[in-house]
Amino acid sequence: MSEPEVRLCPATTNASGFEYAGLSHVGRIRRRNEDFISIDADNGWLLLADGMGGYQGGDVASALSVRTVLKCLQRGSHGDGLEATAMADALREGLNDANEAIRQAGAANADLSGMGATMVAACLTKECLVHAHVGDSRLYRLRDGTLEQLTSDHTVLQAQVDAGLIGPLEAMQMPSRGLLTRGLGVAPTVIVDVGVHELAEKDCFLLCSDGLTDMLDAREIARLLGAPGAVDDVAQGLVDAALAHGGRDNVSVIIARFAG
C-alpha cells in the first residue's frame, strides 16, 4: 500500500514557549513519499528523515531512522533537564543506532537491500537547540530577518565548495548536487555532525528535506519562513512554494518558532 500523499504534524505549543508544525508532501513527480517527520512538542524533539534506495526501501529507511532515534531519546528521557552535551551524545547515539538498524533490515530483506536515509534531528530546551545530522537534510535558523544554515550538507559538491574548487552559486546549478558523501545505512559506521546553539527571543527554526531546498533559494525560504500568521500556515506556504516551482521530490518541513 502506498503512503498517503500528505502527512501533517498539527500545530502545537510547549512549556518552553515554542510552537511547532510539520508537513510532508509527496510532491508532483514521485509516486511514493519517502520522507518521514515527527514532532514531540512536550520534549522539544524534532526529527526529519529522507529515505532513498531499495525496492520500497526509502519508506522503510526514513521511518526506521526516526523511530530508532526516538527510542534512544525516550530510553534516556533526554528532555529539558539534561545538559546540552548529554543531549548531543543522545542524538549522536540515536543516529548511529539508526545506521545499524537500516543495515540490518536491508540485510534481512532483499527488497530493502541498498536502502538508506538522510536525517536531521533537533532537541529544543528553554536555553538552547541541540542538533545532529547526516546527509543533506538541513536545519535553518531565522533570526532578526536573517536566515542561517546551521548544518553543512554531506555532499560531493559541498566538499568541493569547502575546498574552494567551486563557488556556492556555481554549486547550486550543478545537476549532481545531491550526490552524498554520508548517509544512514550506507556504511558500517557513520560520522554524525552535532551542534549546540543558544536561543534568542523570536528565533524560528526550520528542518527540511532537499525537496524544499532544491526548489527554493535561501531568499525565498527566508521570506516565507518569516511570514506572519499561524505556524502551520507558514509550513503550508513553504511546501506550496516548492510545489509551485516544480515539486520534483518529496517536500518535508518542520518549523519551531517562539510563540508570541
C-alpha atoms as a PDB file:
ATOM      1  CA  MET A   1       0.000   0.000   0.000  1.00  0.00           C
ATOM      2  CA  SER A   2       1.359   3.426  -0.927  1.00  0.00           C
ATOM      3  CA  GLU A   3       1.903   6.096   1.686  1.00  0.00           C
ATOM      4  CA  PRO A   4      -0.556   9.000   1.950  1.00  0.00           C
ATOM      5  CA  GLU A   5       0.215  11.995  -0.226  1.00  0.00           C
ATOM      6  CA  VAL A   6       0.370  14.404   2.702  1.00  0.00           C
ATOM      7  CA  ARG A   7       1.487  13.840   6.297  1.00  0.00           C
ATOM      8  CA  LEU A   8       0.731  16.504   8.863  1.00  0.00           C
ATOM      9  CA  CYS A   9       2.045  17.226  12.351  1.00  0.00           C
ATOM     10  CA  PRO A  10      -0.582  19.680  13.647  1.00  0.00           C
ATOM     11  CA  ALA A  11       0.493  22.932  15.275  1.00  0.00           C
ATOM     12  CA  THR A  12       1.283  22.639  18.992  1.00  0.00           C
ATOM     13  CA  THR A  13       2.917  24.765  21.697  1.00  0.00           C
ATOM     14  CA  ASN A  14       5.024  23.564  24.634  1.00  0.00           C
ATOM     15  CA  ALA A  15       6.120  24.870  28.033  1.00  0.00           C
ATOM     16  CA  SER A  16       9.410  26.178  26.636  1.00  0.00           C
ATOM     17  CA  GLY A  17       7.494  28.770  24.655  1.00  0.00           C
ATOM     18  CA  PHE A  18       7.872  27.231  21.203  1.00  0.00           C
ATOM     19  CA  GLU A  19       5.140  26.464  18.720  1.00  0.00           C
ATOM     20  CA  TYR A  20       5.645  23.664  16.213  1.00  0.00           C
ATOM     21  CA  ALA A  21       4.203  22.430  12.947  1.00  0.00           C
ATOM     22  CA  GLY A  22       5.272  19.876  10.368  1.00  0.00           C
ATOM     23  CA  LEU A  23       4.168  18.936   6.876  1.00  0.00           C
ATOM     24  CA  SER A  24       5.343  16.314   4.378  1.00  0.00           C
ATOM     25  CA  HIS A  25       4.093  16.121   0.771  1.00  0.00           C
ATOM     26  CA  VAL A  26       4.819  13.533  -1.912  1.00  0.00           C
ATOM     27  CA  GLY A  27       5.459  16.265  -4.499  1.00  0.00           C
ATOM     28  CA  ARG A  28       4.366  16.444  -8.128  1.00  0.00           C
ATOM     29  CA  ILE A  29       6.606  13.765  -9.662  1.00  0.00           C
ATOM     30  CA  ARG A  30       7.246  10.972  -7.155  1.00  0.00           C
ATOM     31  CA  ARG A  31       4.637   8.266  -6.617  1.00  0.00           C
ATOM     32  CA  ARG A  32       5.724   7.499  -3.069  1.00  0.00           C
ATOM     33  CA  ASN A  33       6.582   9.732  -0.129  1.00  0.00           C
ATOM     34  CA  GLU A  34       9.894   8.505   1.270  1.00  0.00           C
ATOM     35  CA  ASP A  35      10.222  11.324   3.819  1.00  0.00           C
ATOM     36  CA  PHE A  36       9.208  10.854   7.451  1.00  0.00           C
ATOM     37  CA  ILE A  37       8.704  13.524  10.111  1.00  0.00           C
ATOM     38  CA  SER A  38       7.979  13.524  13.840  1.00  0.00           C
ATOM     39  CA  ILE A  39       7.375  16.233  16.441  1.00  0.00           C
ATOM     40  CA  ASP A  40       7.315  15.594  20.195  1.00  0.00           C
ATOM     41  CA  ALA A  41       6.299  19.032  21.440  1.00  0.00           C
ATOM     42  CA  ASP A  42       6.387  18.107  25.135  1.00  0.00           C
ATOM     43  CA  ASN A  43      10.084  17.248  24.922  1.00  0.00           C
ATOM     44  CA  GLY A  44      11.024  19.566  22.064  1.00  0.00           C
ATOM     45  CA  TRP A  45      12.192  16.708  19.816  1.00  0.00           C
ATOM     46  CA  LEU A  46      12.075  17.340  16.075  1.00  0.00           C
ATOM     47  CA  LEU A  47      13.017  14.579  13.620  1.00  0.00           C
ATOM     48  CA  LEU A  48      13.059  14.534   9.813  1.00  0.00           C
ATOM     49  CA  ALA A  49      14.415  11.798   7.547  1.00  0.00           C
ATOM     50  CA  ASP A  50      14.585  11.488   3.759  1.00  0.00           C
ATOM     51  CA  GLY A  51      14.723   7.879   2.564  1.00  0.00           C
ATOM     52  CA  MET A  52      16.451   6.506  -0.506  1.00  0.00           C
ATOM     53  CA  GLY A  53      17.127   3.257  -2.344  1.00  0.00           C
ATOM     54  CA  GLY A  54      15.815  -0.264  -2.314  1.00  0.00           C
ATOM     55  CA  TYR A  55      12.628  -1.571  -3.965  1.00  0.00           C
ATOM     56  CA  GLN A  56      10.441   0.051  -1.334  1.00  0.00           C
ATOM     57  CA  GLY A  57      13.301   0.803   0.992  1.00  0.00           C
ATOM     58  CA  GLY A  58      13.159   4.580   1.111  1.00  0.00           C
ATOM     59  CA  ASP A  59       9.893   4.493   3.026  1.00  0.00           C
ATOM     60  CA  VAL A  60      11.234   1.939   5.443  1.00  0.00           C
ATOM     61  CA  ALA A  61      14.606   3.617   5.970  1.00  0.00           C
ATOM     62  CA  SER A  62      13.182   7.035   6.808  1.00  0.00           C
ATOM     63  CA  ALA A  63      10.556   5.689   9.209  1.00  0.00           C
ATOM     64  CA  LEU A  64      13.076   3.344  10.812  1.00  0.00           C
ATOM     65  CA  SER A  65      15.545   6.203  11.272  1.00  0.00           C
ATOM     66  CA  VAL A  66      13.047   8.420  13.049  1.00  0.00           C
ATOM     67  CA  ARG A  67      11.653   5.660  15.247  1.00  0.00           C
ATOM     68  CA  THR A  68      15.115   4.445  16.228  1.00  0.00           C
ATOM     69  CA  VAL A  69      16.256   7.910  17.289  1.00  0.00           C
ATOM     70  CA  LEU A  70      13.013   8.419  19.209  1.00  0.00           C
ATOM     71  CA  LYS A  71      13.593   5.167  21.088  1.00  0.00           C
ATOM     72  CA  CYS A  72      17.079   6.315  22.026  1.00  0.00           C
ATOM     73  CA  LEU A  73      15.781   9.657  23.303  1.00  0.00           C
ATOM     74  CA  GLN A  74      12.947   8.011  25.212  1.00  0.00           C
ATOM     75  CA  ARG A  75      15.304   5.461  26.725  1.00  0.00           C
ATOM     76  CA  GLY A  76      17.339   8.194  28.360  1.00  0.00           C
ATOM     77  CA  SER A  77      14.459  10.645  28.928  1.00  0.00           C
ATOM     78  CA  HIS A  78      16.572  13.294  27.249  1.00  0.00           C
ATOM     79  CA  GLY A  79      14.397  16.309  27.871  1.00  0.00           C
ATOM     80  CA  ASP A  80      14.584  19.753  29.425  1.00  0.00           C
ATOM     81  CA  GLY A  81      16.625  18.674  32.432  1.00  0.00           C
ATOM     82  CA  LEU A  82      19.581  17.291  30.502  1.00  0.00           C
ATOM     83  CA  GLU A  83      22.759  19.209  29.725  1.00  0.00           C
ATOM     84  CA  ALA A  84      23.412  20.136  26.110  1.00  0.00           C
ATOM     85  CA  THR A  85      26.432  17.835  25.871  1.00  0.00           C
ATOM     86  CA  ALA A  86      24.370  14.862  27.049  1.00  0.00           C
ATOM     87  CA  MET A  87      21.619  15.730  24.578  1.00  0.00           C
ATOM     88  CA  ALA A  88      24.200  15.874  21.788  1.00  0.00           C
ATOM     89  CA  ASP A  89      25.524  12.478  22.841  1.00  0.00           C
ATOM     90  CA  ALA A  90      21.995  11.072  22.814  1.00  0.00           C
ATOM     91  CA  LEU A  91      21.346  12.319  19.291  1.00  0.00           C
ATOM     92  CA  ARG A  92      24.680  11.000  18.063  1.00  0.00           C
ATOM     93  CA  GLU A  93      23.924   7.615  19.615  1.00  0.00           C
ATOM     94  CA  GLY A  94      20.456   7.604  18.087  1.00  0.00           C
ATOM     95  CA  LEU A  95      21.674   8.284  14.557  1.00  0.00           C
ATOM     96  CA  ASN A  96      24.366   5.633  14.921  1.00  0.00           C
ATOM     97  CA  ASP A  97      21.703   3.184  16.100  1.00  0.00           C
ATOM     98  CA  ALA A  98      19.595   4.151  13.073  1.00  0.00           C
ATOM     99  CA  ASN A  99      22.529   3.464  10.775  1.00  0.00           C
ATOM    100  CA  GLU A 100      22.853  -0.043  12.184  1.00  0.00           C
ATOM    101  CA  ALA A 101      19.094  -0.674  12.144  1.00  0.00           C
ATOM    102  CA  ILE A 102      18.854   0.221   8.453  1.00  0.00           C
ATOM    103  CA  ARG A 103      21.763  -2.038   7.557  1.00  0.00           C
ATOM    104  CA  GLN A 104      20.296  -4.951   9.497  1.00  0.00           C
ATOM    105  CA  ALA A 105      16.876  -4.503   7.884  1.00  0.00           C
ATOM    106  CA  GLY A 106      18.437  -4.345   4.426  1.00  0.00           C
ATOM    107  CA  ALA A 107      20.474  -7.479   5.043  1.00  0.00           C
ATOM    108  CA  ALA A 108      17.377  -9.372   6.189  1.00  0.00           C
ATOM    109  CA  ASN A 109      15.190  -8.460   3.187  1.00  0.00           C
ATOM    110  CA  ALA A 110      16.417  -8.391  -0.415  1.00  0.00           C
ATOM    111  CA  ASP A 111      13.716  -5.874  -1.366  1.00  0.00           C
ATOM    112  CA  LEU A 112      15.229  -3.433   1.119  1.00  0.00           C
ATOM    113  CA  SER A 113      18.858  -4.005   0.152  1.00  0.00           C
ATOM    114  CA  GLY A 114      20.681  -0.758  -0.542  1.00  0.00           C
ATOM    115  CA  MET A 115      18.212   1.478   1.260  1.00  0.00           C
ATOM    116  CA  GLY A 116      19.390   4.439   3.294  1.00  0.00           C
ATOM    117  CA  ALA A 117      18.360   7.846   4.562  1.00  0.00           C
ATOM    118  CA  THR A 118      19.499  11.333   5.338  1.00  0.00           C
ATOM    119  CA  MET A 119      18.378  12.805   8.634  1.00  0.00           C
ATOM    120  CA  VAL A 120      18.306  15.984  10.669  1.00  0.00           C
ATOM    121  CA  ALA A 121      17.207  15.960  14.312  1.00  0.00           C
ATOM    122  CA  ALA A 122      16.936  18.684  16.932  1.00  0.00           C
ATOM    123  CA  CYS A 123      16.176  18.962  20.653  1.00  0.00           C
ATOM    124  CA  LEU A 124      14.933  22.294  21.984  1.00  0.00           C
ATOM    125  CA  THR A 125      15.036  23.480  25.587  1.00  0.00           C
ATOM    126  CA  LYS A 126      14.432  26.907  27.112  1.00  0.00           C
ATOM    127  CA  GLU A 127      18.101  27.807  26.672  1.00  0.00           C
ATOM    128  CA  CYS A 128      19.459  26.041  23.586  1.00  0.00           C
ATOM    129  CA  LEU A 129      18.916  23.976  20.493  1.00  0.00           C
ATOM    130  CA  VAL A 130      20.974  20.809  20.036  1.00  0.00           C
ATOM    131  CA  HIS A 131      21.023  19.209  16.607  1.00  0.00           C
ATOM    132  CA  ALA A 132      22.527  16.294  14.710  1.00  0.00           C
ATOM    133  CA  HIS A 133      22.508  15.416  11.041  1.00  0.00           C
ATOM    134  CA  VAL A 134      23.779  13.072   8.363  1.00  0.00           C
ATOM    135  CA  GLY A 135      23.359  13.826   4.658  1.00  0.00           C
ATOM    136  CA  ASP A 136      21.712  16.831   3.019  1.00  0.00           C
ATOM    137  CA  SER A 137      18.573  17.310   5.099  1.00  0.00           C
ATOM    138  CA  ARG A 138      19.030  20.758   6.603  1.00  0.00           C
ATOM    139  CA  LEU A 139      18.456  22.927   9.660  1.00  0.00           C
ATOM    140  CA  TYR A 140      17.994  26.685   9.291  1.00  0.00           C
ATOM    141  CA  ARG A 141      17.580  29.488  11.815  1.00  0.00           C
ATOM    142  CA  LEU A 142      15.771  32.735  11.056  1.00  0.00           C
ATOM    143  CA  ARG A 143      16.870  35.466  13.461  1.00  0.00           C
ATOM    144  CA  ASP A 144      16.106  39.167  13.046  1.00  0.00           C
ATOM    145  CA  GLY A 145      15.233  38.604   9.406  1.00  0.00           C
ATOM    146  CA  THR A 146      18.492  36.796   8.590  1.00  0.00           C
ATOM    147  CA  LEU A 147      18.419  33.154   7.518  1.00  0.00           C
ATOM    148  CA  GLU A 148      21.403  30.995   8.508  1.00  0.00           C
ATOM    149  CA  GLN A 149      22.009  27.373   7.560  1.00  0.00           C
ATOM    150  CA  LEU A 150      23.169  25.598  10.729  1.00  0.00           C
ATOM    151  CA  THR A 151      24.066  22.318   9.020  1.00  0.00           C
ATOM    152  CA  SER A 152      26.543  21.617   6.242  1.00  0.00           C
ATOM    153  CA  ASP A 153      25.495  19.193   3.513  1.00  0.00           C
ATOM    154  CA  HIS A 154      27.381  15.911   3.326  1.00  0.00           C
ATOM    155  CA  THR A 155      27.630  16.003  -0.466  1.00  0.00           C
ATOM    156  CA  VAL A 156      30.385  15.902  -3.057  1.00  0.00           C
ATOM    157  CA  LEU A 157      29.520  19.423  -4.176  1.00  0.00           C
ATOM    158  CA  GLN A 158      29.656  20.841  -0.649  1.00  0.00           C
ATOM    159  CA  ALA A 159      33.078  19.238  -0.207  1.00  0.00           C
ATOM    160  CA  GLN A 160      34.199  20.942  -3.420  1.00  0.00           C
ATOM    161  CA  VAL A 161      32.828  24.271  -2.187  1.00  0.00           C
ATOM    162  CA  ASP A 162      34.610  23.837   1.145  1.00  0.00           C
ATOM    163  CA  ALA A 163      37.853  23.103  -0.712  1.00  0.00           C
ATOM    164  CA  GLY A 164      37.459  26.237  -2.820  1.00  0.00           C
ATOM    165  CA  LEU A 165      37.166  24.292  -6.082  1.00  0.00           C
ATOM    166  CA  ILE A 166      33.793  25.797  -6.991  1.00  0.00           C
ATOM    167  CA  GLY A 167      31.686  28.658  -5.669  1.00  0.00           C
ATOM    168  CA  PRO A 168      28.341  28.331  -3.856  1.00  0.00           C
ATOM    169  CA  LEU A 169      26.384  29.868  -6.731  1.00  0.00           C
ATOM    170  CA  GLU A 170      28.009  27.519  -9.231  1.00  0.00           C
ATOM    171  CA  ALA A 171      27.227  24.553  -6.983  1.00  0.00           C
ATOM    172  CA  MET A 172      23.523  25.444  -6.972  1.00  0.00           C
ATOM    173  CA  GLN A 173      23.400  24.969 -10.749  1.00  0.00           C
ATOM    174  CA  MET A 174      25.155  21.596 -10.812  1.00  0.00           C
ATOM    175  CA  PRO A 175      22.934  18.583 -11.647  1.00  0.00           C
ATOM    176  CA  SER A 176      24.901  16.331  -9.284  1.00  0.00           C
ATOM    177  CA  ARG A 177      24.309  18.412  -6.161  1.00  0.00           C
ATOM    178  CA  GLY A 178      22.504  15.530  -4.446  1.00  0.00           C
ATOM    179  CA  LEU A 179      25.439  13.096  -4.591  1.00  0.00           C
ATOM    180  CA  LEU A 180      26.036  12.210  -0.935  1.00  0.00           C
ATOM    181  CA  THR A 181      29.266  11.590   0.939  1.00  0.00           C
ATOM    182  CA  ARG A 182      27.413  10.360   4.045  1.00  0.00           C
ATOM    183  CA  GLY A 183      24.087   8.702   4.688  1.00  0.00           C
ATOM    184  CA  LEU A 184      22.433   6.425   7.214  1.00  0.00           C
ATOM    185  CA  GLY A 185      22.677   2.767   6.233  1.00  0.00           C
ATOM    186  CA  VAL A 186      25.344   3.365   3.598  1.00  0.00           C
ATOM    187  CA  ALA A 187      28.401   2.105   5.508  1.00  0.00           C
ATOM    188  CA  PRO A 188      29.045   0.078   8.689  1.00  0.00           C
ATOM    189  CA  THR A 189      29.828   3.270  10.605  1.00  0.00           C
ATOM    190  CA  VAL A 190      28.775   6.859  10.097  1.00  0.00           C
ATOM    191  CA  ILE A 191      30.100  10.205  11.314  1.00  0.00           C
ATOM    192  CA  VAL A 192      27.297  12.274  12.836  1.00  0.00           C
ATOM    193  CA  ASP A 193      27.697  16.053  12.951  1.00  0.00           C
ATOM    194  CA  VAL A 194      26.275  17.720  16.068  1.00  0.00           C
ATOM    195  CA  GLY A 195      25.918  21.330  17.149  1.00  0.00           C
ATOM    196  CA  VAL A 196      24.610  23.461  20.014  1.00  0.00           C
ATOM    197  CA  HIS A 197      23.133  26.949  19.634  1.00  0.00           C
ATOM    198  CA  GLU A 198      21.912  29.365  22.295  1.00  0.00           C
ATOM    199  CA  LEU A 199      18.435  30.735  21.760  1.00  0.00           C
ATOM    200  CA  ALA A 200      17.316  34.306  21.269  1.00  0.00           C
ATOM    201  CA  GLU A 201      13.820  35.719  21.508  1.00  0.00           C
ATOM    202  CA  LYS A 202      11.805  35.314  18.294  1.00  0.00           C
ATOM    203  CA  ASP A 203      14.124  32.647  16.852  1.00  0.00           C
ATOM    204  CA  CYS A 204      12.499  30.466  14.221  1.00  0.00           C
ATOM    205  CA  PHE A 205      13.968  27.119  13.144  1.00  0.00           C
ATOM    206  CA  LEU A 206      13.303  25.082  10.021  1.00  0.00           C
ATOM    207  CA  LEU A 207      14.163  21.434   9.426  1.00  0.00           C
ATOM    208  CA  CYS A 208      13.672  20.392   5.811  1.00  0.00           C
ATOM    209  CA  SER A 209      14.410  17.788   3.166  1.00  0.00           C
ATOM    210  CA  ASP A 210      16.182  18.614  -0.083  1.00  0.00           C
ATOM    211  CA  GLY A 211      12.814  18.579  -1.816  1.00  0.00           C
ATOM    212  CA  LEU A 212      12.396  22.090  -0.407  1.00  0.00           C
ATOM    213  CA  THR A 213      15.903  23.465  -0.872  1.00  0.00           C
ATOM    214  CA  ASP A 214      16.256  22.147  -4.429  1.00  0.00           C
ATOM    215  CA  MET A 215      13.158  24.147  -5.379  1.00  0.00           C
ATOM    216  CA  LEU A 216      13.605  27.360  -3.356  1.00  0.00           C
ATOM    217  CA  ASP A 217      16.628  29.583  -2.787  1.00  0.00           C
ATOM    218  CA  ALA A 218      17.592  30.986   0.607  1.00  0.00           C
ATOM    219  CA  ARG A 219      15.968  34.359  -0.032  1.00  0.00           C
ATOM    220  CA  GLU A 220      12.595  32.785  -0.783  1.00  0.00           C
ATOM    221  CA  ILE A 221      12.848  30.445   2.200  1.00  0.00           C
ATOM    222  CA  ALA A 222      13.612  33.398   4.484  1.00  0.00           C
ATOM    223  CA  ARG A 223      10.656  35.370   3.145  1.00  0.00           C
ATOM    224  CA  LEU A 224       8.203  32.519   3.600  1.00  0.00           C
ATOM    225  CA  LEU A 225       9.568  31.413   6.973  1.00  0.00           C
ATOM    226  CA  GLY A 226       9.253  34.951   8.311  1.00  0.00           C
ATOM    227  CA  ALA A 227       5.712  35.439   7.076  1.00  0.00           C
ATOM    228  CA  PRO A 228       3.107  36.423   9.682  1.00  0.00           C
ATOM    229  CA  GLY A 229       0.362  34.029  10.629  1.00  0.00           C
ATOM    230  CA  ALA A 230      -0.106  30.650  12.234  1.00  0.00           C
ATOM    231  CA  VAL A 231       2.903  28.347  12.215  1.00  0.00           C
ATOM    232  CA  ASP A 232       1.041  25.629  10.314  1.00  0.00           C
ATOM    233  CA  ASP A 233       0.144  28.179   7.634  1.00  0.00           C
ATOM    234  CA  VAL A 234       3.834  29.054   7.328  1.00  0.00           C
ATOM    235  CA  ALA A 235       4.669  25.367   6.868  1.00  0.00           C
ATOM    236  CA  GLN A 236       1.968  25.086   4.225  1.00  0.00           C
ATOM    237  CA  GLY A 237       3.309  28.162   2.449  1.00  0.00           C
ATOM    238  CA  LEU A 238       6.792  26.674   2.184  1.00  0.00           C
ATOM    239  CA  VAL A 239       5.500  23.382   0.787  1.00  0.00           C
ATOM    240  CA  ASP A 240       3.138  25.130  -1.630  1.00  0.00           C
ATOM    241  CA  ALA A 241       6.009  27.250  -2.958  1.00  0.00           C
ATOM    242  CA  ALA A 242       8.179  24.177  -3.549  1.00  0.00           C
ATOM    243  CA  LEU A 243       5.312  22.527  -5.417  1.00  0.00           C
ATOM    244  CA  ALA A 244       4.758  25.657  -7.488  1.00  0.00           C
ATOM    245  CA  HIS A 245       8.425  25.578  -8.513  1.00  0.00           C
ATOM    246  CA  GLY A 246       8.128  22.006  -9.773  1.00  0.00           C
ATOM    247  CA  GLY A 247       7.874  19.750  -6.715  1.00  0.00           C
ATOM    248  CA  ARG A 248      10.300  17.268  -8.255  1.00  0.00           C
ATOM    249  CA  ASP A 249      10.882  15.440  -4.958  1.00  0.00           C
ATOM    250  CA  ASN A 250       9.062  14.769  -1.714  1.00  0.00           C
ATOM    251  CA  VAL A 251       8.877  18.002   0.296  1.00  0.00           C
ATOM    252  CA  SER A 252       9.034  17.986   4.102  1.00  0.00           C
ATOM    253  CA  VAL A 253       9.315  20.761   6.663  1.00  0.00           C
ATOM    254  CA  ILE A 254       9.241  21.103  10.442  1.00  0.00           C
ATOM    255  CA  ILE A 255       9.039  24.571  11.989  1.00  0.00           C
ATOM    256  CA  ALA A 256       9.806  25.549  15.584  1.00  0.00           C
ATOM    257  CA  ARG A 257       9.048  29.189  16.395  1.00  0.00           C
ATOM    258  CA  PHE A 258       8.988  31.214  19.589  1.00  0.00           C
ATOM    259  CA  ALA A 259       5.338  31.795  20.421  1.00  0.00           C
ATOM    260  CA  GLY A 260       4.088  35.329  20.844  1.00  0.00           C
END
